[in-house]
Amino acid sequence: MARKTNYGFDRREREKTRAMKRAERQRVKQEKSAERKEQPDDGKSPEQDYENFDR
């Protein structure tokens, strides 16, 4: 006789892996944000840099 499938367990495992991936992405995002805050700002926006870019 075949075993009864355990859909609840499978679903919980998928949710757990998704939560771990989300947490990792959030951690990387926060690190990048902190890195940007630490760097000195030269007062130029990226658009200004693009306008002065030699083609």
N, C-alpha and C. Protein backbone atom coordinates (compact mmCIF):
# COMPACT_ATOMS: atom_id res chain seq x y z
N MET A 1 0.84 -1.18 0.00
CA MET A 1 0.00 0.00 0.00
C MET A 1 0.89 1.25 0.00
N ALA A 2 0.52 2.21 -0.80
CA ALA A 2 1.31 3.44 -0.92
C ALA A 2 1.13 4.32 0.31
N ARG A 3 2.15 5.08 0.58
CA ARG A 3 2.08 6.00 1.72
C ARG A 3 1.26 7.23 1.36
N LYS A 4 0.67 7.81 2.36
CA LYS A 4 -0.09 9.04 2.17
C LYS A 4 0.90 10.19 1.96
N THR A 5 0.64 11.03 0.98
CA THR A 5 1.54 12.15 0.72
C THR A 5 1.44 13.18 1.84
N ASN A 6 2.53 13.87 2.03
CA ASN A 6 2.60 14.84 3.11
C ASN A 6 2.72 16.24 2.50
N TYR A 7 1.62 16.73 1.95
CA TYR A 7 1.63 18.02 1.27
C TYR A 7 1.95 19.17 2.23
N GLY A 8 1.48 19.07 3.45
CA GLY A 8 1.74 20.13 4.42
C GLY A 8 3.22 20.31 4.69
N PHE A 9 3.93 19.20 4.83
CA PHE A 9 5.37 19.25 5.07
C PHE A 9 6.08 19.87 3.88
N ASP A 10 5.71 19.43 2.68
CA ASP A 10 6.33 19.98 1.47
C ASP A 10 6.11 21.48 1.38
N ARG A 11 4.91 21.92 1.68
CA ARG A 11 4.60 23.34 1.62
C ARG A 11 5.42 24.13 2.64
N ARG A 12 5.51 23.59 3.86
CA ARG A 12 6.31 24.27 4.88
C ARG A 12 7.78 24.36 4.48
N GLU A 13 8.30 23.31 3.87
CA GLU A 13 9.69 23.32 3.42
C GLU A 13 9.90 24.38 2.33
N ARG A 14 8.97 24.48 1.38
CA ARG A 14 9.08 25.50 0.33
C ARG A 14 9.02 26.89 0.93
N GLU A 15 8.11 27.10 1.89
CA GLU A 15 7.99 28.40 2.54
C GLU A 15 9.25 28.74 3.32
N LYS A 16 9.85 27.73 3.95
CA LYS A 16 11.07 27.96 4.71
C LYS A 16 12.21 28.38 3.79
N THR A 17 12.35 27.70 2.65
CA THR A 17 13.42 28.07 1.72
C THR A 17 13.18 29.46 1.14
N ARG A 18 11.93 29.79 0.84
CA ARG A 18 11.62 31.14 0.34
C ARG A 18 11.95 32.19 1.39
N ALA A 19 11.62 31.93 2.64
CA ALA A 19 11.89 32.87 3.72
C ALA A 19 13.40 33.06 3.89
N MET A 20 14.16 31.99 3.77
CA MET A 20 15.61 32.09 3.89
C MET A 20 16.18 32.93 2.75
N LYS A 21 15.68 32.72 1.53
CA LYS A 21 16.14 33.50 0.38
C LYS A 21 15.79 34.97 0.56
N ARG A 22 14.56 35.24 1.02
CA ARG A 22 14.13 36.63 1.25
C ARG A 22 15.02 37.30 2.29
N ALA A 23 15.32 36.58 3.37
CA ALA A 23 16.15 37.13 4.43
C ALA A 23 17.56 37.43 3.91
N GLU A 24 18.09 36.55 3.08
CA GLU A 24 19.42 36.77 2.51
C GLU A 24 19.43 37.99 1.60
N ARG A 25 18.41 38.12 0.74
CA ARG A 25 18.33 39.29 -0.14
C ARG A 25 18.20 40.57 0.67
N GLN A 26 17.41 40.54 1.73
CA GLN A 26 17.23 41.72 2.58
C GLN A 26 18.55 42.08 3.28
N ARG A 27 19.29 41.08 3.73
CA ARG A 27 20.57 41.32 4.39
C ARG A 27 21.55 41.98 3.43
N VAL A 28 21.62 41.48 2.19
CA VAL A 28 22.51 42.06 1.19
C VAL A 28 22.10 43.49 0.88
N LYS A 29 20.80 43.71 0.79
CA LYS A 29 20.28 45.06 0.52
C LYS A 29 20.68 46.03 1.63
N GLN A 30 20.56 45.59 2.87
CA GLN A 30 20.92 46.44 4.01
C GLN A 30 22.42 46.73 4.03
N GLU A 31 23.23 45.73 3.68
CA GLU A 31 24.67 45.94 3.64
C GLU A 31 25.04 46.96 2.57
N LYS A 32 24.41 46.86 1.40
CA LYS A 32 24.68 47.83 0.33
C LYS A 32 24.26 49.22 0.76
N SER A 33 23.12 49.32 1.42
CA SER A 33 22.63 50.61 1.89
C SER A 33 23.60 51.21 2.90
N ALA A 34 24.08 50.42 3.82
CA ALA A 34 25.03 50.90 4.82
C ALA A 34 26.33 51.32 4.16
N GLU A 35 26.74 50.57 3.13
CA GLU A 35 27.96 50.89 2.40
C GLU A 35 27.84 52.24 1.72
N ARG A 36 26.69 52.50 1.11
CA ARG A 36 26.46 53.78 0.43
C ARG A 36 26.46 54.94 1.42
N LYS A 37 25.91 54.69 2.60
CA LYS A 37 25.85 55.75 3.61
C LYS A 37 27.25 56.10 4.11
N GLU A 38 28.14 55.12 4.15
CA GLU A 38 29.50 55.36 4.63
C GLU A 38 30.34 56.12 3.62
N GLN A 39 30.08 55.95 2.32
CA GLN A 39 30.87 56.61 1.29
C GLN A 39 30.53 58.09 1.24
N PRO A 40 31.56 58.94 1.05
CA PRO A 40 31.29 60.38 0.95
C PRO A 40 30.55 60.69 -0.34
N ASP A 41 29.63 61.61 -0.27
CA ASP A 41 28.83 62.00 -1.42
C ASP A 41 29.48 63.21 -2.07
N ASP A 42 29.69 63.17 -3.39
CA ASP A 42 30.31 64.30 -4.08
C ASP A 42 29.29 65.34 -4.52
N GLY A 43 28.03 65.13 -4.22
CA GLY A 43 27.00 66.12 -4.52
C GLY A 43 26.43 66.03 -5.92
N LYS A 44 26.88 65.07 -6.70
CA LYS A 44 26.38 64.91 -8.06
C LYS A 44 25.38 63.77 -8.12
N SER A 45 24.38 63.95 -8.94
CA SER A 45 23.44 62.86 -9.15
C SER A 45 23.94 62.03 -10.33
N PRO A 46 23.50 60.81 -10.49
CA PRO A 46 23.93 59.98 -11.63
C PRO A 46 23.56 60.62 -12.97
N GLU A 47 22.47 61.38 -13.01
CA GLU A 47 22.07 62.03 -14.25
C GLU A 47 23.11 63.07 -14.66
N GLN A 48 23.65 63.80 -13.69
CA GLN A 48 24.67 64.80 -13.99
C GLN A 48 25.93 64.13 -14.52
N ASP A 49 26.29 62.99 -13.97
CA ASP A 49 27.46 62.27 -14.45
C ASP A 49 27.25 61.82 -15.89
N TYR A 50 26.06 61.40 -16.22
CA TYR A 50 25.77 60.92 -17.57
C TYR A 50 25.84 62.07 -18.57
N GLU A 51 25.36 63.26 -18.18
CA GLU A 51 25.38 64.41 -19.08
C GLU A 51 26.81 64.82 -19.40
N ASN A 52 27.72 64.65 -18.47
CA ASN A 52 29.11 65.05 -18.67
C ASN A 52 29.96 63.93 -19.26
N PHE A 53 29.37 62.81 -19.56
CA PHE A 53 30.09 61.65 -20.07
C PHE A 53 30.45 61.87 -21.54
N ASP A 54 31.72 61.68 -21.89
CA ASP A 54 32.16 61.82 -23.28
C ASP A 54 31.80 60.56 -24.04
N ARG A 55 31.22 60.75 -25.16
CA ARG A 55 30.79 59.58 -25.96
C ARG A 55 31.77 59.25 -27.01
